[in-house]
Amino acid sequence: MTSPNHEDWVLMKAVAGGDEAAANQLYDRFGGLVFKSSRQTLPTRAEAEDAVQEVFVRLWKTADRYDPNRAKLVTWVMLITRRHLIDRLRRKRVRPNNISLEGDPAGRDDRESRERSSMERDERRNLLVSRVAELPALQQEVITRAYLQGFTLREVAEQLEAPLGTVKSALSRGLARLRDRLADDQRTSEA
C-alpha cells in the first residue's frame, strides 16, 4: 500500500525526469488552485495566466527538490506559487510605467487611465488595510506578516512564539472574515 506522500514523490520524480504525462497530471491537480491564487493577487486575468505558466515552469525546474517528508505536495506548490507572486509584485513595483505610442501623443489618455487605476488601487488597499485593522490582534499579525511581509507561516509561528496550527487557524479565520466584509462592502457600493 502506498501513501499519498509517496505517490506525490513519485509524481514529482517523473516531472523532474521530463515525463510529459506527469507534468500534465501535476497541472490538472493544481492548475486551478494556482490560477485562483494568481487571480486574487494580480490585477488582470492575463497577468494571472502568465503567472500560472511561470509557476509551472518553476515547479518543473525544481521538481527534484520536492521532499514529501517536509511538506505535502499541495503545500509545496502553493509555497512556490506565493513566492513567485511576491517576486512578480516586487519586480512590478520597481519597473517604470510603460509609455503608450498609440492614442493621445501627449499621453494624456494613458496618464489619466493610470491615475484612475492608481486611485482605485489605493482605495481598495486602504479599504483592505482598514478591514484588516478590524480583525482580532492575532489574525491581523498573521495576515500582515504572511501576505504583506512575505514570511512563511512557519516563520510567523516562530516570530509569534505560537504553534503552527494556531497560526494557520488564525490565517484561515482572518481571511474568511476579510472575504465576508469585503463582499459586504462590494454589495453596499453596488446598491
N, C-alpha and C. Protein backbone atom coordinates (compact mmCIF):
# COMPACT_ATOMS: atom_id res chain seq x y z
N MET A 1 0.85 -1.19 0.00
CA MET A 1 0.00 0.00 0.00
C MET A 1 0.89 1.24 0.00
N THR A 2 0.57 2.17 -0.88
CA THR A 2 1.39 3.37 -0.96
C THR A 2 0.65 4.55 -0.35
N SER A 3 1.40 5.44 0.27
CA SER A 3 0.80 6.62 0.87
C SER A 3 0.68 7.72 -0.17
N PRO A 4 -0.24 8.69 0.06
CA PRO A 4 -0.35 9.81 -0.87
C PRO A 4 0.98 10.57 -1.00
N ASN A 5 1.72 10.69 0.11
CA ASN A 5 3.00 11.40 0.04
C ASN A 5 3.98 10.68 -0.87
N HIS A 6 3.98 9.34 -0.81
CA HIS A 6 4.87 8.57 -1.67
C HIS A 6 4.45 8.74 -3.14
N GLU A 7 3.15 8.71 -3.38
CA GLU A 7 2.65 8.92 -4.75
C GLU A 7 3.03 10.30 -5.26
N ASP A 8 2.95 11.30 -4.40
CA ASP A 8 3.35 12.66 -4.79
C ASP A 8 4.83 12.70 -5.12
N TRP A 9 5.65 12.01 -4.32
CA TRP A 9 7.09 11.97 -4.55
C TRP A 9 7.38 11.31 -5.90
N VAL A 10 6.68 10.20 -6.19
CA VAL A 10 6.86 9.51 -7.48
C VAL A 10 6.46 10.43 -8.62
N LEU A 11 5.35 11.14 -8.45
CA LEU A 11 4.90 12.08 -9.48
C LEU A 11 5.96 13.15 -9.73
N MET A 12 6.49 13.74 -8.67
CA MET A 12 7.47 14.82 -8.85
C MET A 12 8.79 14.30 -9.42
N LYS A 13 9.17 13.07 -9.11
CA LYS A 13 10.37 12.47 -9.73
C LYS A 13 10.14 12.30 -11.22
N ALA A 14 8.92 11.90 -11.60
CA ALA A 14 8.59 11.75 -13.02
C ALA A 14 8.60 13.11 -13.71
N VAL A 15 8.06 14.15 -13.05
CA VAL A 15 8.09 15.50 -13.61
C VAL A 15 9.54 15.94 -13.80
N ALA A 16 10.36 15.71 -12.78
CA ALA A 16 11.79 16.09 -12.87
C ALA A 16 12.49 15.36 -14.01
N GLY A 17 12.03 14.14 -14.30
CA GLY A 17 12.63 13.36 -15.37
C GLY A 17 12.11 13.72 -16.75
N GLY A 18 11.23 14.70 -16.83
CA GLY A 18 10.73 15.17 -18.12
C GLY A 18 9.52 14.42 -18.64
N ASP A 19 8.84 13.66 -17.79
CA ASP A 19 7.66 12.90 -18.17
C ASP A 19 6.49 13.87 -18.42
N GLU A 20 6.07 13.97 -19.68
CA GLU A 20 5.03 14.92 -20.05
C GLU A 20 3.69 14.58 -19.41
N ALA A 21 3.37 13.28 -19.32
CA ALA A 21 2.11 12.86 -18.69
C ALA A 21 2.10 13.26 -17.21
N ALA A 22 3.24 13.14 -16.54
CA ALA A 22 3.33 13.53 -15.12
C ALA A 22 3.16 15.04 -14.98
N ALA A 23 3.78 15.80 -15.89
CA ALA A 23 3.63 17.26 -15.85
C ALA A 23 2.17 17.65 -16.07
N ASN A 24 1.50 16.95 -16.99
CA ASN A 24 0.07 17.21 -17.21
C ASN A 24 -0.76 16.87 -15.99
N GLN A 25 -0.41 15.77 -15.33
CA GLN A 25 -1.13 15.38 -14.11
C GLN A 25 -0.93 16.43 -13.01
N LEU A 26 0.29 16.93 -12.88
CA LEU A 26 0.57 17.98 -11.90
C LEU A 26 -0.28 19.21 -12.20
N TYR A 27 -0.33 19.59 -13.47
CA TYR A 27 -1.12 20.76 -13.86
C TYR A 27 -2.61 20.51 -13.61
N ASP A 28 -3.09 19.32 -13.96
CA ASP A 28 -4.51 19.00 -13.74
C ASP A 28 -4.88 19.09 -12.27
N ARG A 29 -3.97 18.66 -11.40
CA ARG A 29 -4.25 18.68 -9.97
C ARG A 29 -4.23 20.08 -9.37
N PHE A 30 -3.27 20.90 -9.83
CA PHE A 30 -3.05 22.18 -9.13
C PHE A 30 -3.24 23.43 -9.99
N GLY A 31 -3.49 23.27 -11.27
CA GLY A 31 -3.62 24.44 -12.15
C GLY A 31 -4.70 25.41 -11.70
N GLY A 32 -5.87 24.87 -11.33
CA GLY A 32 -6.97 25.73 -10.89
C GLY A 32 -6.65 26.48 -9.61
N LEU A 33 -6.01 25.80 -8.68
CA LEU A 33 -5.64 26.41 -7.41
C LEU A 33 -4.60 27.52 -7.61
N VAL A 34 -3.61 27.25 -8.46
CA VAL A 34 -2.57 28.26 -8.74
C VAL A 34 -3.19 29.46 -9.46
N PHE A 35 -4.11 29.19 -10.40
CA PHE A 35 -4.76 30.29 -11.12
C PHE A 35 -5.59 31.13 -10.16
N LYS A 36 -6.35 30.47 -9.29
CA LYS A 36 -7.19 31.22 -8.33
C LYS A 36 -6.33 32.13 -7.46
N SER A 37 -5.23 31.61 -6.96
CA SER A 37 -4.33 32.40 -6.13
C SER A 37 -3.73 33.56 -6.93
N SER A 38 -3.35 33.28 -8.17
CA SER A 38 -2.77 34.32 -9.03
C SER A 38 -3.80 35.40 -9.35
N ARG A 39 -5.02 34.99 -9.61
CA ARG A 39 -6.07 35.94 -9.97
C ARG A 39 -6.42 36.83 -8.79
N GLN A 40 -6.33 36.28 -7.57
CA GLN A 40 -6.62 37.08 -6.38
C GLN A 40 -5.51 38.08 -6.10
N THR A 41 -4.32 37.80 -6.59
CA THR A 41 -3.16 38.63 -6.29
C THR A 41 -2.88 39.66 -7.38
N LEU A 42 -3.07 39.27 -8.62
CA LEU A 42 -2.68 40.12 -9.75
C LEU A 42 -3.89 40.87 -10.32
N PRO A 43 -3.65 42.04 -10.91
CA PRO A 43 -4.77 42.89 -11.32
C PRO A 43 -5.53 42.41 -12.56
N THR A 44 -4.91 41.65 -13.46
CA THR A 44 -5.61 41.25 -14.67
C THR A 44 -5.56 39.74 -14.87
N ARG A 45 -6.53 39.26 -15.61
CA ARG A 45 -6.59 37.83 -15.93
C ARG A 45 -5.36 37.41 -16.73
N ALA A 46 -4.94 38.26 -17.66
CA ALA A 46 -3.77 37.94 -18.50
C ALA A 46 -2.51 37.76 -17.64
N GLU A 47 -2.33 38.64 -16.66
CA GLU A 47 -1.17 38.52 -15.78
C GLU A 47 -1.26 37.25 -14.94
N ALA A 48 -2.47 36.91 -14.50
CA ALA A 48 -2.65 35.69 -13.72
C ALA A 48 -2.33 34.46 -14.57
N GLU A 49 -2.78 34.46 -15.83
CA GLU A 49 -2.48 33.34 -16.72
C GLU A 49 -0.97 33.22 -16.96
N ASP A 50 -0.30 34.35 -17.15
CA ASP A 50 1.16 34.33 -17.31
C ASP A 50 1.83 33.77 -16.05
N ALA A 51 1.33 34.19 -14.90
CA ALA A 51 1.92 33.74 -13.64
C ALA A 51 1.77 32.23 -13.47
N VAL A 52 0.61 31.69 -13.86
CA VAL A 52 0.39 30.24 -13.75
C VAL A 52 1.42 29.50 -14.60
N GLN A 53 1.61 29.99 -15.80
CA GLN A 53 2.60 29.36 -16.69
C GLN A 53 4.00 29.41 -16.06
N GLU A 54 4.35 30.56 -15.54
CA GLU A 54 5.68 30.73 -14.93
C GLU A 54 5.83 29.85 -13.68
N VAL A 55 4.76 29.72 -12.89
CA VAL A 55 4.82 28.86 -11.69
C VAL A 55 5.05 27.42 -12.10
N PHE A 56 4.35 26.96 -13.12
CA PHE A 56 4.53 25.55 -13.52
C PHE A 56 5.89 25.30 -14.15
N VAL A 57 6.46 26.29 -14.80
CA VAL A 57 7.85 26.14 -15.28
C VAL A 57 8.78 26.02 -14.07
N ARG A 58 8.53 26.85 -13.07
CA ARG A 58 9.36 26.80 -11.86
C ARG A 58 9.19 25.46 -11.15
N LEU A 59 7.96 24.95 -11.09
CA LEU A 59 7.72 23.64 -10.48
C LEU A 59 8.46 22.55 -11.24
N TRP A 60 8.42 22.62 -12.55
CA TRP A 60 9.10 21.64 -13.38
C TRP A 60 10.61 21.68 -13.13
N LYS A 61 11.16 22.89 -13.05
CA LYS A 61 12.61 23.03 -12.86
C LYS A 61 13.07 22.60 -11.47
N THR A 62 12.18 22.69 -10.49
CA THR A 62 12.57 22.37 -9.11
C THR A 62 11.93 21.07 -8.61
N ALA A 63 11.31 20.32 -9.49
CA ALA A 63 10.59 19.10 -9.10
C ALA A 63 11.46 18.13 -8.32
N ASP A 64 12.74 18.07 -8.66
CA ASP A 64 13.63 17.12 -7.98
C ASP A 64 13.90 17.51 -6.53
N ARG A 65 13.54 18.72 -6.14
CA ARG A 65 13.76 19.17 -4.76
C ARG A 65 12.60 18.87 -3.82
N TYR A 66 11.49 18.39 -4.38
CA TYR A 66 10.33 18.10 -3.53
C TYR A 66 10.65 16.98 -2.55
N ASP A 67 10.34 17.23 -1.28
CA ASP A 67 10.58 16.24 -0.23
C ASP A 67 9.26 16.01 0.52
N PRO A 68 8.64 14.84 0.33
CA PRO A 68 7.35 14.58 0.98
C PRO A 68 7.43 14.52 2.50
N ASN A 69 8.63 14.40 3.04
CA ASN A 69 8.78 14.38 4.50
C ASN A 69 8.71 15.78 5.09
N ARG A 70 8.90 16.79 4.26
CA ARG A 70 8.88 18.18 4.76
C ARG A 70 7.53 18.86 4.56
N ALA A 71 6.81 18.48 3.48
CA ALA A 71 5.53 19.14 3.21
C ALA A 71 4.70 18.29 2.26
N LYS A 72 3.39 18.47 2.35
CA LYS A 72 2.51 17.85 1.37
C LYS A 72 2.74 18.55 0.04
N LEU A 73 2.43 17.88 -1.05
CA LEU A 73 2.66 18.46 -2.37
C LEU A 73 1.87 19.74 -2.57
N VAL A 74 0.63 19.77 -2.11
CA VAL A 74 -0.18 20.99 -2.26
C VAL A 74 0.47 22.16 -1.53
N THR A 75 1.02 21.91 -0.37
CA THR A 75 1.69 22.96 0.41
C THR A 75 2.92 23.47 -0.35
N TRP A 76 3.67 22.54 -0.90
CA TRP A 76 4.88 22.91 -1.64
C TRP A 76 4.54 23.73 -2.89
N VAL A 77 3.51 23.29 -3.62
CA VAL A 77 3.07 24.00 -4.83
C VAL A 77 2.62 25.42 -4.46
N MET A 78 1.85 25.55 -3.39
CA MET A 78 1.34 26.87 -3.02
C MET A 78 2.45 27.76 -2.46
N LEU A 79 3.45 27.18 -1.83
CA LEU A 79 4.59 27.98 -1.36
C LEU A 79 5.34 28.55 -2.55
N ILE A 80 5.59 27.73 -3.55
CA ILE A 80 6.27 28.22 -4.75
C ILE A 80 5.41 29.26 -5.46
N THR A 81 4.11 29.03 -5.50
CA THR A 81 3.20 30.00 -6.12
C THR A 81 3.27 31.33 -5.39
N ARG A 82 3.16 31.29 -4.07
CA ARG A 82 3.17 32.54 -3.28
C ARG A 82 4.49 33.28 -3.46
N ARG A 83 5.60 32.55 -3.42
CA ARG A 83 6.90 33.19 -3.61
C ARG A 83 7.01 33.83 -4.99
N HIS A 84 6.51 33.11 -6.00
CA HIS A 84 6.56 33.65 -7.36
C HIS A 84 5.71 34.93 -7.46
N LEU A 85 4.53 34.90 -6.88
CA LEU A 85 3.65 36.08 -6.96
C LEU A 85 4.26 37.26 -6.22
N ILE A 86 4.87 37.01 -5.08
CA ILE A 86 5.52 38.09 -4.34
C ILE A 86 6.67 38.66 -5.16
N ASP A 87 7.49 37.79 -5.76
CA ASP A 87 8.59 38.25 -6.63
C ASP A 87 8.05 39.08 -7.78
N ARG A 88 6.97 38.61 -8.38
CA ARG A 88 6.38 39.31 -9.53
C ARG A 88 5.89 40.70 -9.12
N LEU A 89 5.23 40.79 -7.96
CA LEU A 89 4.74 42.09 -7.49
C LEU A 89 5.90 43.03 -7.17
N ARG A 90 6.96 42.50 -6.58
CA ARG A 90 8.12 43.33 -6.27
C ARG A 90 8.77 43.86 -7.54
N ARG A 91 8.93 42.99 -8.55
CA ARG A 91 9.51 43.43 -9.83
C ARG A 91 8.65 44.50 -10.48
N LYS A 92 7.35 44.33 -10.38
CA LYS A 92 6.43 45.28 -11.00
C LYS A 92 6.54 46.66 -10.36
N ARG A 93 6.76 46.69 -9.05
CA ARG A 93 6.91 47.98 -8.35
C ARG A 93 8.17 48.71 -8.78
N VAL A 94 9.21 47.96 -9.08
CA VAL A 94 10.50 48.55 -9.46
C VAL A 94 10.49 49.03 -10.90
N ARG A 95 9.76 48.32 -11.76
CA ARG A 95 9.74 48.62 -13.19
C ARG A 95 9.03 49.95 -13.46
N PRO A 96 9.59 50.81 -14.32
CA PRO A 96 8.90 52.07 -14.66
C PRO A 96 7.65 51.79 -15.49
N ASN A 97 6.71 52.73 -15.46
CA ASN A 97 5.49 52.58 -16.25
C ASN A 97 5.82 52.60 -17.73
N ASN A 98 5.12 51.77 -18.49
CA ASN A 98 5.30 51.75 -19.94
C ASN A 98 4.66 52.98 -20.55
N ILE A 99 5.23 53.47 -21.62
CA ILE A 99 4.69 54.64 -22.32
C ILE A 99 3.99 54.14 -23.57
N SER A 100 2.75 54.55 -23.76
CA SER A 100 1.99 54.12 -24.91
C SER A 100 2.37 54.96 -26.12
N LEU A 101 2.51 54.30 -27.26
CA LEU A 101 2.82 55.00 -28.50
C LEU A 101 1.56 55.26 -29.31
N GLU A 102 0.44 54.73 -28.84
CA GLU A 102 -0.83 54.94 -29.53
C GLU A 102 -1.66 55.95 -28.77
N GLY A 103 -2.71 56.45 -29.44
CA GLY A 103 -3.63 57.36 -28.76
C GLY A 103 -3.08 58.77 -28.72
N ASP A 104 -3.38 59.48 -27.66
CA ASP A 104 -3.01 60.87 -27.49
C ASP A 104 -1.49 61.02 -27.48
N PRO A 105 -0.92 61.84 -28.40
CA PRO A 105 0.53 61.97 -28.45
C PRO A 105 1.13 62.51 -27.15
N ALA A 106 0.37 63.27 -26.42
CA ALA A 106 0.90 63.80 -25.16
C ALA A 106 0.78 62.77 -24.04
N GLY A 107 0.09 61.66 -24.32
CA GLY A 107 -0.04 60.61 -23.32
C GLY A 107 -1.08 60.90 -22.26
N ARG A 108 -1.97 61.89 -22.52
CA ARG A 108 -2.96 62.25 -21.51
C ARG A 108 -3.92 61.12 -21.22
N ASP A 109 -4.42 60.43 -22.28
CA ASP A 109 -5.38 59.35 -22.07
C ASP A 109 -4.76 58.26 -21.20
N ASP A 110 -3.54 57.88 -21.56
CA ASP A 110 -2.84 56.83 -20.82
C ASP A 110 -2.56 57.29 -19.39
N ARG A 111 -2.13 58.53 -19.24
CA ARG A 111 -1.80 59.05 -17.91
C ARG A 111 -3.07 59.11 -17.05
N GLU A 112 -4.19 59.58 -17.63
CA GLU A 112 -5.44 59.64 -16.88
C GLU A 112 -5.90 58.25 -16.47
N SER A 113 -5.75 57.30 -17.39
CA SER A 113 -6.14 55.92 -17.10
C SER A 113 -5.28 55.36 -15.97
N ARG A 114 -3.98 55.62 -16.01
CA ARG A 114 -3.08 55.14 -14.95
C ARG A 114 -3.41 55.79 -13.63
N GLU A 115 -3.70 57.09 -13.66
CA GLU A 115 -4.04 57.80 -12.41
C GLU A 115 -5.34 57.24 -11.82
N ARG A 116 -6.35 57.02 -12.69
CA ARG A 116 -7.62 56.47 -12.22
C ARG A 116 -7.40 55.07 -11.65
N SER A 117 -6.62 54.27 -12.36
CA SER A 117 -6.32 52.92 -11.91
C SER A 117 -5.56 52.95 -10.59
N SER A 118 -4.62 53.87 -10.48
CA SER A 118 -3.84 54.00 -9.26
C SER A 118 -4.73 54.43 -8.08
N MET A 119 -5.64 55.35 -8.35
CA MET A 119 -6.55 55.80 -7.30
C MET A 119 -7.45 54.66 -6.84
N GLU A 120 -7.97 53.88 -7.80
CA GLU A 120 -8.83 52.75 -7.45
C GLU A 120 -8.05 51.72 -6.63
N ARG A 121 -6.80 51.46 -7.04
CA ARG A 121 -5.96 50.51 -6.31
C ARG A 121 -5.71 51.01 -4.90
N ASP A 122 -5.42 52.34 -4.77
CA ASP A 122 -5.19 52.91 -3.44
C ASP A 122 -6.43 52.81 -2.57
N GLU A 123 -7.61 53.04 -3.17
CA GLU A 123 -8.86 52.94 -2.41
C GLU A 123 -9.07 51.51 -1.93
N ARG A 124 -8.85 50.53 -2.82
CA ARG A 124 -9.00 49.13 -2.44
C ARG A 124 -8.01 48.76 -1.35
N ARG A 125 -6.77 49.23 -1.50
CA ARG A 125 -5.74 48.92 -0.49
C ARG A 125 -6.12 49.54 0.85
N ASN A 126 -6.56 50.81 0.84
CA ASN A 126 -6.95 51.47 2.09
C ASN A 126 -8.13 50.75 2.75
N LEU A 127 -9.10 50.31 1.93
CA LEU A 127 -10.23 49.56 2.46
C LEU A 127 -9.75 48.26 3.07
N LEU A 128 -8.86 47.56 2.37
CA LEU A 128 -8.33 46.30 2.88
C LEU A 128 -7.58 46.51 4.19
N VAL A 129 -6.74 47.55 4.24
CA VAL A 129 -5.99 47.84 5.47
C VAL A 129 -6.94 48.14 6.62
N SER A 130 -8.00 48.91 6.34
CA SER A 130 -8.95 49.23 7.41
C SER A 130 -9.70 47.98 7.87
N ARG A 131 -10.01 47.09 6.93
CA ARG A 131 -10.69 45.84 7.30
C ARG A 131 -9.76 44.92 8.10
N VAL A 132 -8.50 44.85 7.73
CA VAL A 132 -7.54 44.05 8.49
C VAL A 132 -7.42 44.60 9.90
N ALA A 133 -7.45 45.92 10.05
CA ALA A 133 -7.34 46.55 11.37
C ALA A 133 -8.53 46.21 12.27
N GLU A 134 -9.65 45.79 11.69
CA GLU A 134 -10.83 45.43 12.47
C GLU A 134 -10.76 43.99 13.01
N LEU A 135 -9.81 43.22 12.51
CA LEU A 135 -9.69 41.82 12.92
C LEU A 135 -9.07 41.72 14.31
N PRO A 136 -9.27 40.59 14.98
CA PRO A 136 -8.57 40.36 16.26
C PRO A 136 -7.06 40.42 16.05
N ALA A 137 -6.33 40.75 17.10
CA ALA A 137 -4.89 41.03 17.01
C ALA A 137 -4.09 39.91 16.36
N LEU A 138 -4.34 38.66 16.74
CA LEU A 138 -3.55 37.55 16.18
C LEU A 138 -3.80 37.42 14.68
N GLN A 139 -5.05 37.54 14.27
CA GLN A 139 -5.37 37.45 12.84
C GLN A 139 -4.71 38.58 12.07
N GLN A 140 -4.72 39.79 12.63
CA GLN A 140 -4.03 40.93 12.00
C GLN A 140 -2.56 40.63 11.80
N GLU A 141 -1.92 40.17 12.85
CA GLU A 141 -0.48 39.90 12.82
C GLU A 141 -0.14 38.86 11.77
N VAL A 142 -0.89 37.76 11.77
CA VAL A 142 -0.60 36.66 10.85
C VAL A 142 -0.79 37.11 9.40
N ILE A 143 -1.88 37.78 9.11
CA ILE A 143 -2.14 38.23 7.74
C ILE A 143 -1.09 39.25 7.31
N THR A 144 -0.77 40.18 8.17
CA THR A 144 0.23 41.19 7.83
C THR A 144 1.58 40.56 7.55
N ARG A 145 2.01 39.67 8.42
CA ARG A 145 3.34 39.06 8.25
C ARG A 145 3.37 38.11 7.05
N ALA A 146 2.31 37.33 6.87
CA ALA A 146 2.32 36.33 5.80
C ALA A 146 2.11 36.96 4.42
N TYR A 147 1.17 37.87 4.31
CA TYR A 147 0.82 38.41 2.99
C TYR A 147 1.54 39.70 2.64
N LEU A 148 1.72 40.56 3.60
CA LEU A 148 2.33 41.86 3.28
C LEU A 148 3.83 41.85 3.45
N GLN A 149 4.33 41.02 4.37
CA GLN A 149 5.77 40.99 4.61
C GLN A 149 6.44 39.76 3.99
N GLY A 150 5.64 38.80 3.52
CA GLY A 150 6.18 37.67 2.78
C GLY A 150 6.79 36.54 3.60
N PHE A 151 6.48 36.47 4.90
CA PHE A 151 7.01 35.38 5.72
C PHE A 151 6.19 34.12 5.50
N THR A 152 6.82 32.96 5.66
CA THR A 152 6.08 31.70 5.63
C THR A 152 5.32 31.57 6.94
N LEU A 153 4.33 30.69 6.95
CA LEU A 153 3.56 30.50 8.18
C LEU A 153 4.43 29.94 9.29
N ARG A 154 5.39 29.09 8.93
CA ARG A 154 6.31 28.56 9.93
C ARG A 154 7.13 29.70 10.55
N GLU A 155 7.60 30.63 9.72
CA GLU A 155 8.36 31.78 10.23
C GLU A 155 7.49 32.66 11.13
N VAL A 156 6.23 32.85 10.71
CA VAL A 156 5.30 33.65 11.52
C VAL A 156 5.10 32.98 12.87
N ALA A 157 4.93 31.66 12.86
CA ALA A 157 4.74 30.93 14.13
C ALA A 157 5.95 31.11 15.03
N GLU A 158 7.14 31.03 14.47
CA GLU A 158 8.36 31.21 15.27
C GLU A 158 8.44 32.64 15.80
N GLN A 159 8.13 33.63 14.96
CA GLN A 159 8.19 35.03 15.38
C GLN A 159 7.21 35.32 16.50
N LEU A 160 6.02 34.73 16.41
CA LEU A 160 4.98 35.00 17.41
C LEU A 160 5.05 34.02 18.58
N GLU A 161 5.98 33.06 18.48
CA GLU A 161 6.12 32.01 19.51
C GLU A 161 4.77 31.34 19.76
N ALA A 162 4.13 30.97 18.64
CA ALA A 162 2.82 30.32 18.70
C ALA A 162 2.88 29.01 17.92
N PRO A 163 2.04 28.05 18.26
CA PRO A 163 2.01 26.81 17.49
C PRO A 163 1.61 27.07 16.03
N LEU A 164 2.19 26.30 15.13
CA LEU A 164 1.90 26.47 13.70
C LEU A 164 0.41 26.30 13.42
N GLY A 165 -0.23 25.35 14.07
CA GLY A 165 -1.66 25.14 13.88
C GLY A 165 -2.48 26.35 14.27
N THR A 166 -2.08 27.03 15.33
CA THR A 166 -2.77 28.24 15.78
C THR A 166 -2.63 29.34 14.73
N VAL A 167 -1.43 29.46 14.16
CA VAL A 167 -1.18 30.48 13.13
C VAL A 167 -2.01 30.17 11.89
N LYS A 168 -2.04 28.90 11.48
CA LYS A 168 -2.83 28.52 10.31
C LYS A 168 -4.31 28.80 10.53
N SER A 169 -4.81 28.48 11.72
CA SER A 169 -6.22 28.73 12.03
C SER A 169 -6.52 30.23 12.03
N ALA A 170 -5.62 31.01 12.60
CA ALA A 170 -5.82 32.47 12.63
C ALA A 170 -5.85 33.03 11.21
N LEU A 171 -4.96 32.52 10.37
CA LEU A 171 -4.93 32.98 8.98
C LEU A 171 -6.23 32.61 8.28
N SER A 172 -6.67 31.40 8.44
CA SER A 172 -7.90 30.93 7.79
C SER A 172 -9.11 31.73 8.25
N ARG A 173 -9.24 31.90 9.57
CA ARG A 173 -10.38 32.67 10.09
C ARG A 173 -10.31 34.14 9.66
N GLY A 174 -9.11 34.71 9.68
CA GLY A 174 -8.96 36.11 9.29
C GLY A 174 -9.29 36.33 7.83
N LEU A 175 -8.82 35.44 6.96
CA LEU A 175 -9.12 35.58 5.53
C LEU A 175 -10.61 35.40 5.26
N ALA A 176 -11.24 34.48 5.97
CA ALA A 176 -12.69 34.27 5.81
C ALA A 176 -13.45 35.54 6.21
N ARG A 177 -13.07 36.13 7.34
CA ARG A 177 -13.72 37.38 7.78
C ARG A 177 -13.49 38.51 6.78
N LEU A 178 -12.27 38.60 6.28
CA LEU A 178 -11.97 39.65 5.30
C LEU A 178 -12.83 39.47 4.05
N ARG A 179 -12.91 38.24 3.55
CA ARG A 179 -13.72 37.98 2.35
C ARG A 179 -15.17 38.39 2.59
N ASP A 180 -15.70 38.01 3.74
CA ASP A 180 -17.10 38.36 4.05
C ASP A 180 -17.29 39.87 4.11
N ARG A 181 -16.39 40.56 4.81
CA ARG A 181 -16.54 42.02 4.96
C ARG A 181 -16.34 42.73 3.63
N LEU A 182 -15.38 42.29 2.83
CA LEU A 182 -15.15 42.93 1.54
C LEU A 182 -16.32 42.65 0.59
N ALA A 183 -16.92 41.46 0.69
CA ALA A 183 -18.10 41.15 -0.14
C ALA A 183 -19.26 42.05 0.29
N ASP A 184 -19.42 42.27 1.60
CA ASP A 184 -20.47 43.18 2.08
C ASP A 184 -20.22 44.59 1.56
N ASP A 185 -18.95 45.03 1.60
CA ASP A 185 -18.60 46.36 1.09
C ASP A 185 -18.94 46.48 -0.40
N GLN A 186 -18.66 45.41 -1.15
CA GLN A 186 -18.93 45.40 -2.59
C GLN A 186 -20.43 45.52 -2.84
N ARG A 187 -21.23 44.74 -2.09
CA ARG A 187 -22.69 44.79 -2.27
C ARG A 187 -23.21 46.18 -1.90
N THR A 188 -22.67 46.76 -0.85
CA THR A 188 -23.10 48.10 -0.41
C THR A 188 -22.79 49.14 -1.48
N SER A 189 -21.61 49.06 -2.08
CA SER A 189 -21.22 50.05 -3.08
C SER A 189 -22.01 49.90 -4.38
N GLU A 190 -22.48 48.65 -4.66
CA GLU A 190 -23.24 48.43 -5.88
C GLU A 190 -24.70 48.83 -5.71
N ALA A 191 -25.15 48.93 -4.46
CA ALA A 191 -26.57 49.24 -4.20
C ALA A 191 -26.87 50.71 -4.38
